[in-house]
PDB file of N, CA and C in Angstrom:
ATOM      1  N   MET A   1       1.096  -1.329  -0.089  1.00  0.00           N
ATOM      2  CA  MET A   1       0.086  -0.344   0.042  1.00  0.00           C
ATOM      3  C   MET A   1       0.860   1.075  -0.047  1.00  0.00           C
ATOM      4  N   LEU A   2       2.101   1.040   0.640  1.00  0.00           N
ATOM      5  CA  LEU A   2       2.881   2.404   0.791  1.00  0.00           C
ATOM      6  C   LEU A   2       3.646   2.552  -0.527  1.00  0.00           C
ATOM      7  N   ASP A   3       3.874   1.822  -1.550  1.00  0.00           N
ATOM      8  CA  ASP A   3       4.566   1.885  -2.879  1.00  0.00           C
ATOM      9  C   ASP A   3       4.228   2.630  -3.411  1.00  0.00           C
ATOM     10  N   HIS A   4       3.031   3.092  -3.793  1.00  0.00           N
ATOM     11  CA  HIS A   4       2.019   3.860  -4.843  1.00  0.00           C
ATOM     12  C   HIS A   4       1.519   4.987  -3.802  1.00  0.00           C
ATOM     13  N   VAL A   5       1.945   6.278  -4.531  1.00  0.00           N
ATOM     14  CA  VAL A   5       1.198   7.165  -3.813  1.00  0.00           C
ATOM     15  C   VAL A   5       0.362   8.031  -4.843  1.00  0.00           C
ATOM     16  N   SER A   6       1.049   8.367  -5.843  1.00  0.00           N
ATOM     17  CA  SER A   6       0.327   9.194  -6.590  1.00  0.00           C
ATOM     18  C   SER A   6       0.463   8.645  -8.399  1.00  0.00           C
ATOM     19  N   GLY A   7      -0.093   9.504  -9.373  1.00  0.00           N
ATOM     20  CA  GLY A   7       0.286   8.913 -10.701  1.00  0.00           C
ATOM     21  C   GLY A   7       0.785   9.820 -11.503  1.00  0.00           C
ATOM     22  N   GLY A   8       1.141   9.424 -12.499  1.00  0.00           N
ATOM     23  CA  GLY A   8       1.222  10.438 -13.219  1.00  0.00           C
ATOM     24  C   GLY A   8       1.410   9.530 -14.976  1.00  0.00           C
ATOM     25  N   GLY A   9       2.108  10.143 -16.027  1.00  0.00           N
ATOM     26  CA  GLY A   9       2.238   9.639 -17.604  1.00  0.00           C
ATOM     27  C   GLY A   9       2.485  10.634 -18.250  1.00  0.00           C
ATOM     28  N   PHE A  10       2.790  10.135 -19.796  1.00  0.00           N
ATOM     29  CA  PHE A  10       3.210  10.829 -20.721  1.00  0.00           C
ATOM     30  C   PHE A  10       2.479  10.121 -21.713  1.00  0.00           C
ATOM     31  N   ARG A  11       1.953  11.259 -22.720  1.00  0.00           N
ATOM     32  CA  ARG A  11       1.390  10.916 -24.123  1.00  0.00           C
ATOM     33  C   ARG A  11       2.395  11.337 -25.255  1.00  0.00           C
ATOM     34  N   ILE A  12       2.945  10.433 -26.036  1.00  0.00           N
ATOM     35  CA  ILE A  12       3.791  10.896 -27.401  1.00  0.00           C
ATOM     36  C   ILE A  12       2.706  10.970 -28.702  1.00  0.00           C
ATOM     37  N   SER A  13       2.499  12.152 -29.249  1.00  0.00           N
ATOM     38  CA  SER A  13       1.731  12.221 -30.735  1.00  0.00           C
ATOM     39  C   SER A  13       2.506  12.165 -31.638  1.00  0.00           C
ATOM     40  N   ASN A  14       2.036  11.830 -32.522  1.00  0.00           N
ATOM     41  CA  ASN A  14       2.682  11.790 -34.033  1.00  0.00           C
ATOM     42  C   ASN A  14       2.213  12.878 -34.517  1.00  0.00           C
ATOM     43  N   GLU A  15       2.996  13.914 -35.120  1.00  0.00           N
ATOM     44  CA  GLU A  15       2.019  15.206 -35.791  1.00  0.00           C
ATOM     45  C   GLU A  15       3.252  15.654 -37.177  1.00  0.00           C
ATOM     46  N   LEU A  16       3.833  14.617 -37.374  1.00  0.00           N
ATOM     47  CA  LEU A  16       4.615  14.956 -38.425  1.00  0.00           C
ATOM     48  C   LEU A  16       3.892  14.620 -40.032  1.00  0.00           C
ATOM     49  N   LYS A  17       4.376  15.191 -41.103  1.00  0.00           N
ATOM     50  CA  LYS A  17       3.839  15.392 -42.338  1.00  0.00           C
ATOM     51  C   LYS A  17       3.946  14.221 -43.193  1.00  0.00           C
ATOM     52  N   ASN A  18       3.184  14.423 -44.565  1.00  0.00           N
ATOM     53  CA  ASN A  18       3.672  13.604 -45.496  1.00  0.00           C
ATOM     54  C   ASN A  18       3.640  11.922 -44.921  1.00  0.00           C
ATOM     55  N   LYS A  19       2.843  11.963 -44.326  1.00  0.00           N
ATOM     56  CA  LYS A  19       2.139   9.990 -43.958  1.00  0.00           C
ATOM     57  C   LYS A  19       3.812   9.375 -43.302  1.00  0.00           C
ATOM     58  N   LYS A  20       4.483  10.113 -42.728  1.00  0.00           N
ATOM     59  CA  LYS A  20       5.928   9.582 -41.773  1.00  0.00           C
ATOM     60  C   LYS A  20       5.277   9.271 -40.627  1.00  0.00           C
ATOM     61  N   ARG A  21       5.615   7.760 -40.015  1.00  0.00           N
ATOM     62  CA  ARG A  21       5.561   7.108 -39.188  1.00  0.00           C
ATOM     63  C   ARG A  21       6.699   7.843 -38.004  1.00  0.00           C
ATOM     64  N   LEU A  22       6.398   7.119 -36.518  1.00  0.00           N
ATOM     65  CA  LEU A  22       6.918   7.672 -35.903  1.00  0.00           C
ATOM     66  C   LEU A  22       7.092   6.258 -34.819  1.00  0.00           C
ATOM     67  N   TRP A  23       8.576   6.221 -34.840  1.00  0.00           N
ATOM     68  CA  TRP A  23       9.359   5.233 -34.048  1.00  0.00           C
ATOM     69  C   TRP A  23       9.619   5.210 -32.484  1.00  0.00           C
ATOM     70  N   MET A  24       9.107   4.826 -31.850  1.00  0.00           N
ATOM     71  CA  MET A  24       8.938   5.134 -30.304  1.00  0.00           C
ATOM     72  C   MET A  24       9.713   3.649 -29.433  1.00  0.00           C
ATOM     73  N   ARG A  25      10.443   4.398 -28.327  1.00  0.00           N
ATOM     74  CA  ARG A  25      11.142   3.233 -27.584  1.00  0.00           C
ATOM     75  C   ARG A  25      10.957   3.853 -26.221  1.00  0.00           C
ATOM     76  N   CYS A  26      10.589   3.666 -24.958  1.00  0.00           N
ATOM     77  CA  CYS A  26      10.969   4.147 -23.891  1.00  0.00           C
ATOM     78  C   CYS A  26      10.969   3.346 -22.825  1.00  0.00           C
ATOM     79  N   TYR A  27      12.008   3.581 -21.591  1.00  0.00           N
ATOM     80  CA  TYR A  27      12.325   2.342 -20.675  1.00  0.00           C
ATOM     81  C   TYR A  27      12.411   3.458 -19.400  1.00  0.00           C
ATOM     82  N   SER A  28      12.210   2.688 -18.192  1.00  0.00           N
ATOM     83  CA  SER A  28      12.545   3.341 -17.072  1.00  0.00           C
ATOM     84  C   SER A  28      13.589   1.922 -16.308  1.00  0.00           C
ATOM     85  N   LYS A  29      13.427   2.523 -15.031  1.00  0.00           N
ATOM     86  CA  LYS A  29      14.127   1.160 -14.291  1.00  0.00           C
ATOM     87  C   LYS A  29      13.904   0.008 -14.310  1.00  0.00           C
ATOM     88  N   ASP A  30      12.291   0.010 -14.482  1.00  0.00           N
ATOM     89  CA  ASP A  30      11.724  -1.376 -14.241  1.00  0.00           C
ATOM     90  C   ASP A  30      11.051  -1.433 -15.481  1.00  0.00           C
ATOM     91  N   ASP A  31      11.147  -1.077 -16.717  1.00  0.00           N
ATOM     92  CA  ASP A  31      10.044  -1.254 -17.492  1.00  0.00           C
ATOM     93  C   ASP A  31      10.468  -0.807 -18.845  1.00  0.00           C
ATOM     94  N   VAL A  32      10.513  -1.450 -20.004  1.00  0.00           N
ATOM     95  CA  VAL A  32      10.607  -1.470 -21.348  1.00  0.00           C
ATOM     96  C   VAL A  32       9.148  -1.320 -22.321  1.00  0.00           C
ATOM     97  N   LEU A  33       9.131  -0.065 -22.944  1.00  0.00           N
ATOM     98  CA  LEU A  33       7.928   0.065 -24.009  1.00  0.00           C
ATOM     99  C   LEU A  33       8.550   0.241 -24.921  1.00  0.00           C
ATOM    100  N   GLY A  34       7.739  -0.681 -26.208  1.00  0.00           N
ATOM    101  CA  GLY A  34       8.077  -0.513 -27.576  1.00  0.00           C
ATOM    102  C   GLY A  34       9.277  -1.815 -27.739  1.00  0.00           C
ATOM    103  N   PRO A  35       9.842  -1.324 -28.955  1.00  0.00           N
ATOM    104  CA  PRO A  35       9.684  -0.196 -29.921  1.00  0.00           C
ATOM    105  C   PRO A  35       8.170  -0.500 -30.199  1.00  0.00           C
ATOM    106  N   ASN A  36       7.426   0.702 -30.520  1.00  0.00           N
ATOM    107  CA  ASN A  36       6.111   0.973 -31.331  1.00  0.00           C
ATOM    108  C   ASN A  36       6.081   1.687 -32.377  1.00  0.00           C
ATOM    109  N   ILE A  37       5.441   1.727 -33.604  1.00  0.00           N
ATOM    110  CA  ILE A  37       5.314   2.607 -34.395  1.00  0.00           C
ATOM    111  C   ILE A  37       4.095   3.186 -34.341  1.00  0.00           C
ATOM    112  N   ILE A  38       4.011   4.586 -34.164  1.00  0.00           N
ATOM    113  CA  ILE A  38       2.775   5.351 -33.861  1.00  0.00           C
ATOM    114  C   ILE A  38       2.442   6.267 -35.523  1.00  0.00           C
ATOM    115  N   PRO A  39       1.588   5.913 -36.011  1.00  0.00           N
ATOM    116  CA  PRO A  39       0.941   6.095 -37.545  1.00  0.00           C
ATOM    117  C   PRO A  39       0.645   7.654 -37.144  1.00  0.00           C
ATOM    118  N   ILE A  40       0.842   8.578 -37.795  1.00  0.00           N
ATOM    119  CA  ILE A  40       0.309   9.708 -37.994  1.00  0.00           C
ATOM    120  C   ILE A  40      -0.970  10.615 -37.325  1.00  0.00           C
ATOM    121  N   GLY A  41      -1.388  11.112 -36.766  1.00  0.00           N
ATOM    122  CA  GLY A  41      -2.514  11.289 -36.127  1.00  0.00           C
ATOM    123  C   GLY A  41      -3.034  10.799 -34.728  1.00  0.00           C
ATOM    124  N   GLN A  42      -2.229   9.902 -34.803  1.00  0.00           N
ATOM    125  CA  GLN A  42      -2.218   9.113 -33.676  1.00  0.00           C
ATOM    126  C   GLN A  42      -1.147   9.193 -32.475  1.00  0.00           C
ATOM    127  N   HIS A  43      -1.514   8.284 -31.147  1.00  0.00           N
ATOM    128  CA  HIS A  43      -0.470   8.661 -30.138  1.00  0.00           C
ATOM    129  C   HIS A  43      -0.348   7.436 -29.400  1.00  0.00           C
ATOM    130  N   TYR A  44       0.685   7.480 -28.143  1.00  0.00           N
ATOM    131  CA  TYR A  44       0.648   6.326 -27.539  1.00  0.00           C
ATOM    132  C   TYR A  44       0.913   7.118 -26.222  1.00  0.00           C
ATOM    133  N   GLU A  45       0.019   6.527 -25.414  1.00  0.00           N
ATOM    134  CA  GLU A  45      -0.104   7.263 -23.964  1.00  0.00           C
ATOM    135  C   GLU A  45       0.076   6.044 -22.546  1.00  0.00           C
ATOM    136  N   ASN A  46       0.896   6.237 -21.868  1.00  0.00           N
ATOM    137  CA  ASN A  46       1.438   5.505 -20.328  1.00  0.00           C
ATOM    138  C   ASN A  46       1.078   6.129 -19.588  1.00  0.00           C
ATOM    139  N   LEU A  47       0.279   5.658 -18.806  1.00  0.00           N
ATOM    140  CA  LEU A  47      -0.117   6.149 -17.328  1.00  0.00           C
ATOM    141  C   LEU A  47       0.384   5.045 -16.351  1.00  0.00           C
ATOM    142  N   PHE A  48       0.723   5.633 -15.189  1.00  0.00           N
ATOM    143  CA  PHE A  48       1.482   4.594 -14.348  1.00  0.00           C
ATOM    144  C   PHE A  48       1.426   5.344 -13.194  1.00  0.00           C
ATOM    145  N   ASP A  49       1.576   4.706 -11.652  1.00  0.00           N
ATOM    146  CA  ASP A  49       1.748   4.982 -10.493  1.00  0.00           C
ATOM    147  C   ASP A  49       3.304   5.455 -10.321  1.00  0.00           C
ATOM    148  N   ILE A  50       3.648   6.593  -9.524  1.00  0.00           N
ATOM    149  CA  ILE A  50       4.908   6.939  -9.125  1.00  0.00           C
ATOM    150  C   ILE A  50       5.368   6.301  -7.669  1.00  0.00           C
ATOM    151  N   ASN A  51       6.691   6.100  -7.828  1.00  0.00           N
ATOM    152  CA  ASN A  51       6.610   5.208  -6.592  1.00  0.00           C
ATOM    153  C   ASN A  51       7.076   6.002  -5.249  1.00  0.00           C
ATOM    154  N   PHE A  52       7.213   5.510  -4.330  1.00  0.00           N
ATOM    155  CA  PHE A  52       6.651   6.078  -2.766  1.00  0.00           C
ATOM    156  C   PHE A  52       8.135   7.027  -2.746  1.00  0.00           C
ATOM    157  N   TRP A  53       9.484   6.431  -3.192  1.00  0.00           N
ATOM    158  CA  TRP A  53      10.665   7.892  -3.247  1.00  0.00           C
ATOM    159  C   TRP A  53      10.424   8.802  -4.066  1.00  0.00           C
ATOM    160  N   HIS A  54       9.084   8.890  -5.021  1.00  0.00           N
ATOM    161  CA  HIS A  54       9.144   9.936  -6.145  1.00  0.00           C
ATOM    162  C   HIS A  54      10.952  10.132  -7.162  1.00  0.00           C
ATOM    163  N   THR A  55      10.845   9.185  -7.592  1.00  0.00           N
ATOM    164  CA  THR A  55      12.138   8.835  -8.168  1.00  0.00           C
ATOM    165  C   THR A  55      11.737   7.849  -9.863  1.00  0.00           C
ATOM    166  N   THR A  56      10.656   8.136  -9.884  1.00  0.00           N
ATOM    167  CA  THR A  56      10.086   7.656 -11.311  1.00  0.00           C
ATOM    168  C   THR A  56      10.596   8.496 -12.284  1.00  0.00           C
ATOM    169  N   ARG A  57      10.594   7.906 -13.402  1.00  0.00           N
ATOM    170  CA  ARG A  57      11.816   8.280 -14.788  1.00  0.00           C
ATOM    171  C   ARG A  57      11.635   7.858 -15.795  1.00  0.00           C
ATOM    172  N   PHE A  58      10.979   7.794 -16.990  1.00  0.00           N
ATOM    173  CA  PHE A  58      10.862   7.423 -18.159  1.00  0.00           C
ATOM    174  C   PHE A  58      11.770   7.929 -19.179  1.00  0.00           C
ATOM    175  N   MET A  59      12.588   7.376 -20.007  1.00  0.00           N
ATOM    176  CA  MET A  59      13.550   7.761 -20.943  1.00  0.00           C
ATOM    177  C   MET A  59      12.827   7.464 -22.391  1.00  0.00           C
ATOM    178  N   CYS A  60      13.000   8.099 -23.322  1.00  0.00           N
ATOM    179  CA  CYS A  60      12.354   7.960 -24.775  1.00  0.00           C
ATOM    180  C   CYS A  60      13.588   8.204 -25.586  1.00  0.00           C
ATOM    181  N   THR A  61      13.445   7.467 -26.755  1.00  0.00           N
ATOM    182  CA  THR A  61      13.847   7.681 -27.999  1.00  0.00           C
ATOM    183  C   THR A  61      12.773   7.742 -29.431  1.00  0.00           C
ATOM    184  N   LEU A  62      13.099   8.737 -30.032  1.00  0.00           N
ATOM    185  CA  LEU A  62      11.901   8.875 -31.204  1.00  0.00           C
ATOM    186  C   LEU A  62      12.627   9.014 -32.475  1.00  0.00           C
ATOM    187  N   ARG A  63      11.910   8.396 -33.609  1.00  0.00           N
ATOM    188  CA  ARG A  63      12.686   8.306 -34.594  1.00  0.00           C
ATOM    189  C   ARG A  63      11.728   8.549 -35.764  1.00  0.00           C
ATOM    190  N   GLN A  64      12.114   9.516 -36.636  1.00  0.00           N
ATOM    191  CA  GLN A  64      11.235   9.820 -37.805  1.00  0.00           C
ATOM    192  C   GLN A  64      11.326   8.829 -38.767  1.00  0.00           C
ATOM    193  N   GLY A  65       9.992   8.503 -39.173  1.00  0.00           N
ATOM    194  CA  GLY A  65      10.390   7.525 -40.757  1.00  0.00           C
ATOM    195  C   GLY A  65      10.368   8.116 -41.945  1.00  0.00           C
ATOM    196  N   PRO A  66      10.737   7.718 -43.234  1.00  0.00           N
ATOM    197  CA  PRO A  66      10.518   6.542 -43.219  1.00  0.00           C
ATOM    198  C   PRO A  66      11.752   5.617 -43.112  1.00  0.00           C
ATOM    199  N   ASN A  67      12.779   6.754 -43.318  1.00  0.00           N
ATOM    200  CA  ASN A  67      14.105   5.783 -43.103  1.00  0.00           C
ATOM    201  C   ASN A  67      14.827   5.900 -41.289  1.00  0.00           C
ATOM    202  N   TYR A  68      13.789   6.631 -40.843  1.00  0.00           N
ATOM    203  CA  TYR A  68      14.488   6.595 -39.207  1.00  0.00           C
ATOM    204  C   TYR A  68      15.742   7.171 -38.625  1.00  0.00           C
ATOM    205  N   ARG A  69      16.124   7.936 -39.735  1.00  0.00           N
ATOM    206  CA  ARG A  69      17.486   8.790 -39.468  1.00  0.00           C
ATOM    207  C   ARG A  69      17.917  10.154 -38.231  1.00  0.00           C
ATOM    208  N   HIS A  70      16.518  10.723 -38.553  1.00  0.00           N
ATOM    209  CA  HIS A  70      16.274  11.456 -37.790  1.00  0.00           C
ATOM    210  C   HIS A  70      15.643  11.263 -36.288  1.00  0.00           C
ATOM    211  N   TYR A  71      16.279  11.583 -35.270  1.00  0.00           N
ATOM    212  CA  TYR A  71      15.971  10.869 -33.834  1.00  0.00           C
ATOM    213  C   TYR A  71      16.059  11.775 -32.769  1.00  0.00           C
ATOM    214  N   GLN A  72      15.685  11.597 -31.774  1.00  0.00           N
ATOM    215  CA  GLN A  72      16.171  12.238 -30.617  1.00  0.00           C
ATOM    216  C   GLN A  72      15.698  11.576 -29.162  1.00  0.00           C
ATOM    217  N   ASN A  73      16.783  11.420 -28.144  1.00  0.00           N
ATOM    218  CA  ASN A  73      16.789  10.733 -27.034  1.00  0.00           C
ATOM    219  C   ASN A  73      16.603  11.813 -25.929  1.00  0.00           C
ATOM    220  N   PHE A  74      15.237  11.468 -24.940  1.00  0.00           N
ATOM    221  CA  PHE A  74      15.106  12.668 -24.025  1.00  0.00           C
ATOM    222  C   PHE A  74      14.269  12.009 -22.814  1.00  0.00           C
ATOM    223  N   THR A  75      14.312  12.663 -21.818  1.00  0.00           N
ATOM    224  CA  THR A  75      13.615  12.293 -20.653  1.00  0.00           C
ATOM    225  C   THR A  75      12.119  12.846 -20.544  1.00  0.00           C
ATOM    226  N   ALA A  76      11.262  11.773 -20.942  1.00  0.00           N
ATOM    227  CA  ALA A  76       9.915  11.848 -21.228  1.00  0.00           C
ATOM    228  C   ALA A  76       8.926  12.343 -19.940  1.00  0.00           C
ATOM    229  N   PHE A  77       9.541  11.588 -18.728  1.00  0.00           N
ATOM    230  CA  PHE A  77       9.116  12.224 -17.536  1.00  0.00           C
ATOM    231  C   PHE A  77      10.010  12.086 -16.477  1.00  0.00           C
ATOM    232  N   LYS A  78       9.752  13.130 -15.583  1.00  0.00           N
ATOM    233  CA  LYS A  78      10.505  12.581 -14.390  1.00  0.00           C
ATOM    234  C   LYS A  78       9.949  13.874 -13.316  1.00  0.00           C
ATOM    235  N   LEU A  79      10.095  13.483 -12.228  1.00  0.00           N
ATOM    236  CA  LEU A  79       9.581  14.192 -10.814  1.00  0.00           C
ATOM    237  C   LEU A  79      11.082  15.246 -10.342  1.00  0.00           C
ATOM    238  N   PHE A  80      10.556  16.452  -9.688  1.00  0.00           N
ATOM    239  CA  PHE A  80      11.248  17.295  -9.404  1.00  0.00           C
ATOM    240  C   PHE A  80      11.588  17.575  -8.109  1.00  0.00           C
ATOM    241  N   ALA A  81      10.684  16.885  -7.499  1.00  0.00           N
ATOM    242  CA  ALA A  81      10.844  17.037  -5.836  1.00  0.00           C
ATOM    243  C   ALA A  81       9.641  15.973  -5.320  1.00  0.00           C
ATOM    244  N   MET A  82       9.723  15.805  -3.929  1.00  0.00           N
ATOM    245  CA  MET A  82       9.109  14.722  -3.234  1.00  0.00           C
ATOM    246  C   MET A  82       7.335  15.363  -3.143  1.00  0.00           C
ATOM    247  N   ALA A  83       6.874  16.549  -3.309  1.00  0.00           N
ATOM    248  CA  ALA A  83       5.925  17.272  -3.196  1.00  0.00           C
ATOM    249  C   ALA A  83       5.241  17.094  -4.831  1.00  0.00           C
ATOM    250  N   ASP A  84       6.267  16.778  -5.914  1.00  0.00           N
ATOM    251  CA  ASP A  84       5.335  16.959  -7.341  1.00  0.00           C
ATOM    252  C   ASP A  84       4.604  15.597  -7.072  1.00  0.00           C
ATOM    253  N   GLN A  85       3.661  15.782  -8.083  1.00  0.00           N
ATOM    254  CA  GLN A  85       2.441  14.743  -8.096  1.00  0.00           C
ATOM    255  C   GLN A  85       2.605  14.026  -9.384  1.00  0.00           C
ATOM    256  N   GLY A  86       3.549  14.523 -10.306  1.00  0.00           N
ATOM    257  CA  GLY A  86       3.421  14.115 -11.559  1.00  0.00           C
ATOM    258  C   GLY A  86       2.752  14.804 -12.799  1.00  0.00           C
ATOM    259  N   GLY A  87       1.992  14.055 -12.658  1.00  0.00           N
ATOM    260  CA  GLY A  87       0.789  15.163 -13.896  1.00  0.00           C
ATOM    261  C   GLY A  87       1.221  14.301 -15.186  1.00  0.00           C
ATOM    262  N   LEU A  88       0.444  14.620 -16.343  1.00  0.00           N
ATOM    263  CA  LEU A  88       0.691  14.040 -17.590  1.00  0.00           C
ATOM    264  C   LEU A  88       1.818  15.008 -18.712  1.00  0.00           C
ATOM    265  N   TRP A  89       2.976  14.266 -19.183  1.00  0.00           N
ATOM    266  CA  TRP A  89       3.610  15.399 -20.069  1.00  0.00           C
ATOM    267  C   TRP A  89       3.025  14.455 -21.245  1.00  0.00           C
ATOM    268  N   ASP A  90       2.714  15.517 -22.000  1.00  0.00           N
ATOM    269  CA  ASP A  90       2.073  15.864 -23.340  1.00  0.00           C
ATOM    270  C   ASP A  90       3.226  15.790 -24.814  1.00  0.00           C
ATOM    271  N   TRP A  91       4.093  14.784 -25.081  1.00  0.00           N
ATOM    272  CA  TRP A  91       4.777  15.198 -26.218  1.00  0.00           C
ATOM    273  C   TRP A  91       4.582  14.982 -27.345  1.00  0.00           C
ATOM    274  N   ARG A  92       4.706  16.290 -28.225  1.00  0.00           N
ATOM    275  CA  ARG A  92       4.058  16.413 -29.914  1.00  0.00           C
ATOM    276  C   ARG A  92       5.513  16.005 -30.820  1.00  0.00           C
ATOM    277  N   ALA A  93       5.475  15.123 -31.722  1.00  0.00           N
ATOM    278  CA  ALA A  93       6.539  14.796 -32.818  1.00  0.00           C
ATOM    279  C   ALA A  93       6.401  15.791 -34.013  1.00  0.00           C
ATOM    280  N   ARG A  94       6.883  16.613 -34.539  1.00  0.00           N
ATOM    281  CA  ARG A  94       6.885  17.535 -35.418  1.00  0.00           C
ATOM    282  C   ARG A  94       7.813  17.640 -36.193  1.00  0.00           C
ATOM    283  N   GLU A  95       7.359  18.384 -37.280  1.00  0.00           N
ATOM    284  CA  GLU A  95       8.697  18.228 -38.482  1.00  0.00           C
ATOM    285  C   GLU A  95       9.685  18.758 -37.985  1.00  0.00           C
ATOM    286  N   ASN A  96       9.859  20.230 -37.322  1.00  0.00           N
ATOM    287  CA  ASN A  96      10.789  21.096 -36.854  1.00  0.00           C
ATOM    288  C   ASN A  96      11.322  20.909 -35.490  1.00  0.00           C
ATOM    289  N   GLY A  97      10.621  19.716 -34.779  1.00  0.00           N
ATOM    290  CA  GLY A  97      11.267  19.572 -33.361  1.00  0.00           C
ATOM    291  C   GLY A  97      10.284  18.658 -32.717  1.00  0.00           C
ATOM    292  N   ILE A  98      10.512  18.551 -31.358  1.00  0.00           N
ATOM    293  CA  ILE A  98       9.547  17.725 -30.377  1.00  0.00           C
ATOM    294  C   ILE A  98       9.124  18.450 -29.509  1.00  0.00           C
ATOM    295  N   TYR A  99       7.508  18.704 -29.393  1.00  0.00           N
ATOM    296  CA  TYR A  99       7.282  19.810 -28.222  1.00  0.00           C
ATOM    297  C   TYR A  99       6.718  18.892 -27.181  1.00  0.00           C
ATOM    298  N   LEU A 100       6.467  20.058 -26.020  1.00  0.00           N
ATOM    299  CA  LEU A 100       6.040  19.436 -24.634  1.00  0.00           C
ATOM    300  C   LEU A 100       4.850  20.237 -24.406  1.00  0.00           C
ATOM    301  N   LYS A 101       4.110  19.693 -23.506  1.00  0.00           N
ATOM    302  CA  LYS A 101       3.129  20.530 -22.632  1.00  0.00           C
ATOM    303  C   LYS A 101       3.040  19.676 -21.636  1.00  0.00           C
ATOM    304  N   LYS A 102       2.908  20.108 -20.256  1.00  0.00           N
ATOM    305  CA  LYS A 102       2.747  19.241 -18.775  1.00  0.00           C
ATOM    306  C   LYS A 102       1.573  19.630 -18.298  1.00  0.00           C
ATOM    307  N   GLU A 103       0.818  18.750 -18.132  1.00  0.00           N
ATOM    308  CA  GLU A 103      -0.537  19.064 -17.908  1.00  0.00           C
ATOM    309  C   GLU A 103      -0.926  18.488 -16.180  1.00  0.00           C
ATOM    310  N   ALA A 104      -1.342  19.498 -15.425  1.00  0.00           N
ATOM    311  CA  ALA A 104      -1.226  18.996 -14.320  1.00  0.00           C
ATOM    312  C   ALA A 104      -0.043  19.135 -13.757  1.00  0.00           C
ATOM    313  N   GLY A 105       0.145  18.365 -12.278  1.00  0.00           N
ATOM    314  CA  GLY A 105       1.219  18.093 -11.768  1.00  0.00           C
ATOM    315  C   GLY A 105       1.734  19.166 -10.707  1.00  0.00           C
ATOM    316  N   GLU A 106       2.439  19.367  -9.924  1.00  0.00           N
ATOM    317  CA  GLU A 106       2.413  20.345  -8.704  1.00  0.00           C
ATOM    318  C   GLU A 106       3.814  21.174  -9.212  1.00  0.00           C
ATOM    319  N   TYR A 107       4.621  20.635  -9.652  1.00  0.00           N
ATOM    320  CA  TYR A 107       5.733  21.803 -10.293  1.00  0.00           C
ATOM    321  C   TYR A 107       5.879  21.780 -11.828  1.00  0.00           C
ATOM    322  N   VAL A 108       4.762  22.549 -12.522  1.00  0.00           N
ATOM    323  CA  VAL A 108       4.712  22.467 -13.852  1.00  0.00           C
ATOM    324  C   VAL A 108       5.408  23.658 -14.328  1.00  0.00           C
ATOM    325  N   TYR A 109       6.163  24.981 -13.845  1.00  0.00           N
ATOM    326  CA  TYR A 109       6.787  26.032 -14.045  1.00  0.00           C
ATOM    327  C   TYR A 109       6.243  26.576 -15.046  1.00  0.00           C
ATOM    328  N   ASN A 110       6.648  26.894 -16.458  1.00  0.00           N
ATOM    329  CA  ASN A 110       6.509  27.588 -17.064  1.00  0.00           C
ATOM    330  C   ASN A 110       5.736  26.514 -18.819  1.00  0.00           C
ATOM    331  N   ALA A 111       5.851  25.457 -18.184  1.00  0.00           N
ATOM    332  CA  ALA A 111       5.786  24.297 -19.300  1.00  0.00           C
ATOM    333  C   ALA A 111       3.707  24.171 -19.412  1.00  0.00           C
ATOM    334  N   VAL A 112       2.914  24.900 -19.124  1.00  0.00           N
ATOM    335  CA  VAL A 112       1.730  24.957 -19.187  1.00  0.00           C
ATOM    336  C   VAL A 112       1.033  24.770 -20.535  1.00  0.00           C
ATOM    337  N   TRP A 113       1.831  25.686 -21.384  1.00  0.00           N
ATOM    338  CA  TRP A 113       1.597  25.638 -22.937  1.00  0.00           C
ATOM    339  C   TRP A 113       2.838  24.626 -23.760  1.00  0.00           C
ATOM    340  N   MET A 114       2.505  24.398 -25.028  1.00  0.00           N
ATOM    341  CA  MET A 114       2.582  23.836 -25.979  1.00  0.00           C
ATOM    342  C   MET A 114       4.061  24.379 -26.414  1.00  0.00           C
ATOM    343  N   HIS A 115       5.349  23.714 -26.387  1.00  0.00           N
ATOM    344  CA  HIS A 115       6.579  24.643 -26.549  1.00  0.00           C
ATOM    345  C   HIS A 115       7.818  23.552 -26.917  1.00  0.00           C
ATOM    346  N   LYS A 116       8.421  24.084 -27.765  1.00  0.00           N
ATOM    347  CA  LYS A 116       9.585  23.519 -28.479  1.00  0.00           C
ATOM    348  C   LYS A 116      10.600  23.063 -27.583  1.00  0.00           C
ATOM    349  N   GLU A 117      10.826  21.560 -27.197  1.00  0.00           N
ATOM    350  CA  GLU A 117      12.026  21.421 -26.112  1.00  0.00           C
ATOM    351  C   GLU A 117      13.328  20.840 -26.909  1.00  0.00           C
ATOM    352  N   TYR A 118      13.070  20.013 -27.689  1.00  0.00           N
ATOM    353  CA  TYR A 118      14.052  19.295 -28.463  1.00  0.00           C
ATOM    354  C   TYR A 118      14.187  19.566 -30.199  1.00  0.00           C
ATOM    355  N   ASP A 119      15.459  19.766 -30.919  1.00  0.00           N
ATOM    356  CA  ASP A 119      15.592  19.429 -32.374  1.00  0.00           C
ATOM    357  C   ASP A 119      15.759  17.903 -32.382  1.00  0.00           C
ATOM    358  N   TRP A 120      15.373  17.356 -33.440  1.00  0.00           N
ATOM    359  CA  TRP A 120      15.827  16.456 -34.399  1.00  0.00           C
ATOM    360  C   TRP A 120      17.344  16.360 -34.447  1.00  0.00           C
ATOM    361  N   ILE A 121      18.015  15.473 -34.416  1.00  0.00           N
ATOM    362  CA  ILE A 121      19.192  14.937 -34.232  1.00  0.00           C
ATOM    363  C   ILE A 121      19.567  14.384 -35.803  1.00  0.00           C
ATOM    364  N   TYR A 122      19.999  14.801 -36.663  1.00  0.00           N
ATOM    365  CA  TYR A 122      20.420  14.736 -38.116  1.00  0.00           C
ATOM    366  C   TYR A 122      21.602  13.696 -38.179  1.00  0.00           C
TER     367      TYR A 122
END
């Protein structure tokens, strides 16, 4: 009962153009998600409980189709303090980069609107 006290999650959406698919693989200390292919206009969502010590973290790699040469590795979810309740980290893969909007959670800071967080690595 004490090992999970609150929830969090992340969503990864494919907003690429020209029918490009999005390759995704994410992992935490305990879980590996994917690899998955996300078709254009669709998303992948992972909701989970945050551990008691608030050390829950997910890392992800995204790759743009069709040849999957453009990629980015990033932290898709992490907590900033014991008081942080997580929330949903909403990621959007677009042609010019990867965008983020954090929904809810205690420590949202300036990320309450969609903003570009990462460029693609070529």
